[in-house]
């Protein structure tokens, strides 16, 4: 399994890159249930982040501390 650490809104998670093996450091990816399912451009990533921030959906997913 190809794994990577991704950051979103200060939250860091380990996800599988098996569906997007072409993803590279600095790319934006759409993640669902622990799997990166597609790459997205910076504009789409920013738009999605703003919508989630407006919905206050980012804070609810933050872990108490980063897993080791």
N, C-alpha and C. Protein backbone atom coordinates (compact mmCIF):
# COMPACT_ATOMS: atom_id res chain seq x y z
N UNK A 1 0.85 -1.17 0.00
CA UNK A 1 0.00 0.00 0.00
C UNK A 1 0.89 1.24 0.00
N UNK A 2 0.63 2.16 -0.89
CA UNK A 2 1.36 3.41 -1.00
C UNK A 2 0.71 4.42 -0.05
N UNK A 3 1.45 4.91 0.95
CA UNK A 3 0.91 5.81 1.96
C UNK A 3 1.58 7.17 1.92
N UNK A 4 0.83 8.17 2.37
CA UNK A 4 1.37 9.53 2.47
C UNK A 4 0.70 10.24 3.64
N UNK A 5 1.38 11.26 4.14
CA UNK A 5 0.79 12.12 5.16
C UNK A 5 0.25 13.35 4.47
N UNK A 6 -1.01 13.68 4.75
CA UNK A 6 -1.62 14.87 4.15
C UNK A 6 -2.07 15.81 5.26
N UNK A 7 -2.08 17.09 4.94
CA UNK A 7 -2.51 18.10 5.90
C UNK A 7 -3.71 18.83 5.32
N UNK A 8 -4.69 19.06 6.18
CA UNK A 8 -5.86 19.81 5.78
C UNK A 8 -6.34 20.62 6.98
N UNK A 9 -6.24 21.91 6.88
CA UNK A 9 -6.72 22.77 7.97
C UNK A 9 -6.02 22.51 9.28
N UNK A 10 -4.75 22.18 9.24
CA UNK A 10 -4.00 21.91 10.46
C UNK A 10 -4.10 20.47 10.95
N UNK A 11 -4.91 19.68 10.29
CA UNK A 11 -5.08 18.27 10.65
C UNK A 11 -4.17 17.45 9.75
N UNK A 12 -3.39 16.55 10.33
CA UNK A 12 -2.49 15.70 9.56
C UNK A 12 -2.98 14.27 9.67
N UNK A 13 -3.14 13.63 8.51
CA UNK A 13 -3.60 12.24 8.48
C UNK A 13 -2.75 11.43 7.52
N UNK A 14 -2.69 10.14 7.77
CA UNK A 14 -2.03 9.23 6.85
C UNK A 14 -3.12 8.67 5.94
N UNK A 15 -2.88 8.72 4.63
CA UNK A 15 -3.87 8.23 3.66
C UNK A 15 -3.20 7.34 2.64
N UNK A 16 -3.99 6.52 2.01
CA UNK A 16 -3.51 5.66 0.93
C UNK A 16 -3.50 6.44 -0.37
N UNK A 17 -2.43 6.28 -1.15
CA UNK A 17 -2.34 6.88 -2.47
C UNK A 17 -2.53 5.85 -3.58
N UNK A 18 -3.06 4.69 -3.25
CA UNK A 18 -3.21 3.63 -4.24
C UNK A 18 -4.05 4.05 -5.44
N UNK A 19 -5.03 4.94 -5.26
CA UNK A 19 -5.88 5.37 -6.39
C UNK A 19 -5.27 6.54 -7.16
N UNK A 20 -4.26 7.20 -6.59
CA UNK A 20 -3.60 8.33 -7.26
C UNK A 20 -2.08 8.21 -7.09
N UNK A 21 -1.48 7.14 -7.61
CA UNK A 21 -0.05 6.93 -7.41
C UNK A 21 0.81 8.03 -8.04
N UNK A 22 0.24 8.82 -8.94
CA UNK A 22 0.98 9.90 -9.57
C UNK A 22 1.08 11.15 -8.69
N UNK A 23 0.38 11.17 -7.55
CA UNK A 23 0.43 12.33 -6.65
C UNK A 23 1.85 12.54 -6.13
N UNK A 24 2.22 13.80 -6.04
CA UNK A 24 3.56 14.16 -5.58
C UNK A 24 3.47 15.15 -4.43
N UNK A 25 4.57 15.33 -3.72
CA UNK A 25 4.63 16.31 -2.64
C UNK A 25 4.19 17.66 -3.18
N UNK A 26 3.28 18.31 -2.47
CA UNK A 26 2.78 19.62 -2.87
C UNK A 26 1.48 19.56 -3.65
N UNK A 27 1.07 18.37 -4.11
CA UNK A 27 -0.20 18.23 -4.82
C UNK A 27 -1.36 18.32 -3.83
N UNK A 28 -2.51 18.70 -4.34
CA UNK A 28 -3.74 18.67 -3.57
C UNK A 28 -4.52 17.43 -3.98
N UNK A 29 -5.05 16.72 -2.99
CA UNK A 29 -5.82 15.51 -3.27
C UNK A 29 -7.15 15.55 -2.53
N UNK A 30 -8.15 14.93 -3.13
CA UNK A 30 -9.45 14.74 -2.48
C UNK A 30 -9.36 13.42 -1.72
N UNK A 31 -9.71 13.45 -0.43
CA UNK A 31 -9.59 12.26 0.42
C UNK A 31 -10.96 11.83 0.91
N UNK A 32 -11.20 10.53 0.85
CA UNK A 32 -12.44 9.96 1.36
C UNK A 32 -12.10 8.68 2.10
N UNK A 33 -12.53 8.58 3.33
CA UNK A 33 -12.32 7.43 4.22
C UNK A 33 -10.90 6.87 4.15
N UNK A 34 -9.92 7.76 4.22
CA UNK A 34 -8.54 7.33 4.28
C UNK A 34 -7.86 7.07 2.95
N UNK A 35 -8.56 7.32 1.86
CA UNK A 35 -7.99 7.11 0.53
C UNK A 35 -8.02 8.41 -0.26
N UNK A 36 -6.88 8.79 -0.83
CA UNK A 36 -6.85 9.88 -1.79
C UNK A 36 -7.50 9.33 -3.05
N UNK A 37 -8.56 10.01 -3.52
CA UNK A 37 -9.31 9.46 -4.65
C UNK A 37 -9.09 10.24 -5.94
N UNK A 38 -8.55 11.46 -5.84
CA UNK A 38 -8.23 12.22 -7.04
C UNK A 38 -7.35 13.40 -6.68
N UNK A 39 -6.62 13.87 -7.67
CA UNK A 39 -5.86 15.12 -7.50
C UNK A 39 -6.77 16.26 -7.91
N UNK A 40 -6.61 17.41 -7.24
CA UNK A 40 -7.37 18.60 -7.60
C UNK A 40 -6.40 19.76 -7.73
N UNK A 41 -6.79 20.77 -8.51
CA UNK A 41 -5.91 21.92 -8.65
C UNK A 41 -6.05 22.84 -7.43
N UNK A 42 -5.13 23.78 -7.30
CA UNK A 42 -5.08 24.66 -6.13
C UNK A 42 -6.36 25.48 -5.99
N UNK A 43 -6.94 25.91 -7.10
CA UNK A 43 -8.17 26.70 -7.04
C UNK A 43 -9.32 25.90 -6.45
N UNK A 44 -9.48 24.66 -6.89
CA UNK A 44 -10.53 23.79 -6.36
C UNK A 44 -10.29 23.49 -4.89
N UNK A 45 -9.05 23.25 -4.50
CA UNK A 45 -8.73 22.98 -3.10
C UNK A 45 -9.08 24.18 -2.22
N UNK A 46 -8.75 25.37 -2.66
CA UNK A 46 -9.06 26.59 -1.90
C UNK A 46 -10.57 26.79 -1.78
N UNK A 47 -11.28 26.57 -2.87
CA UNK A 47 -12.74 26.72 -2.85
C UNK A 47 -13.38 25.73 -1.87
N UNK A 48 -12.93 24.49 -1.89
CA UNK A 48 -13.46 23.47 -0.98
C UNK A 48 -13.15 23.82 0.47
N UNK A 49 -11.92 24.26 0.73
CA UNK A 49 -11.52 24.62 2.09
C UNK A 49 -12.39 25.77 2.61
N UNK A 50 -12.64 26.78 1.79
CA UNK A 50 -13.46 27.92 2.22
C UNK A 50 -14.89 27.48 2.55
N UNK A 51 -15.45 26.61 1.73
CA UNK A 51 -16.81 26.13 1.98
C UNK A 51 -16.87 25.38 3.31
N UNK A 52 -15.91 24.49 3.55
CA UNK A 52 -15.90 23.74 4.80
C UNK A 52 -15.68 24.65 6.00
N UNK A 53 -14.84 25.68 5.85
CA UNK A 53 -14.62 26.63 6.93
C UNK A 53 -15.91 27.40 7.24
N UNK A 54 -16.63 27.80 6.21
CA UNK A 54 -17.90 28.51 6.40
C UNK A 54 -18.92 27.63 7.11
N UNK A 55 -18.88 26.34 6.85
CA UNK A 55 -19.79 25.40 7.50
C UNK A 55 -19.31 25.02 8.89
N UNK A 56 -18.14 25.52 9.28
CA UNK A 56 -17.51 25.18 10.56
C UNK A 56 -17.31 23.67 10.68
N UNK A 57 -17.01 23.04 9.54
CA UNK A 57 -16.84 21.59 9.50
C UNK A 57 -15.41 21.15 9.75
N UNK A 58 -14.48 22.09 9.87
CA UNK A 58 -13.08 21.71 10.04
C UNK A 58 -12.75 21.39 11.48
N UNK A 59 -13.24 22.17 12.42
CA UNK A 59 -12.87 22.00 13.83
C UNK A 59 -13.37 20.69 14.42
N UNK A 60 -14.52 20.20 13.95
CA UNK A 60 -15.09 18.98 14.52
C UNK A 60 -14.25 17.75 14.25
N UNK A 61 -13.40 17.79 13.23
CA UNK A 61 -12.62 16.61 12.85
C UNK A 61 -11.22 16.62 13.45
N UNK A 62 -10.85 17.68 14.16
CA UNK A 62 -9.50 17.81 14.68
C UNK A 62 -9.29 16.86 15.87
N UNK A 63 -8.24 16.05 15.82
CA UNK A 63 -7.94 15.17 16.94
C UNK A 63 -7.36 15.99 18.10
N UNK A 64 -7.45 15.45 19.30
CA UNK A 64 -6.91 16.14 20.48
C UNK A 64 -5.42 16.37 20.33
N UNK A 65 -4.74 15.39 19.79
CA UNK A 65 -3.31 15.54 19.49
C UNK A 65 -2.98 14.65 18.30
N UNK A 66 -1.90 14.98 17.63
CA UNK A 66 -1.52 14.23 16.44
C UNK A 66 -1.07 12.83 16.83
N UNK A 67 -1.61 11.79 16.15
CA UNK A 67 -1.17 10.42 16.43
C UNK A 67 0.28 10.22 16.04
N UNK A 68 0.95 9.33 16.72
CA UNK A 68 2.37 9.06 16.43
C UNK A 68 2.52 7.77 15.67
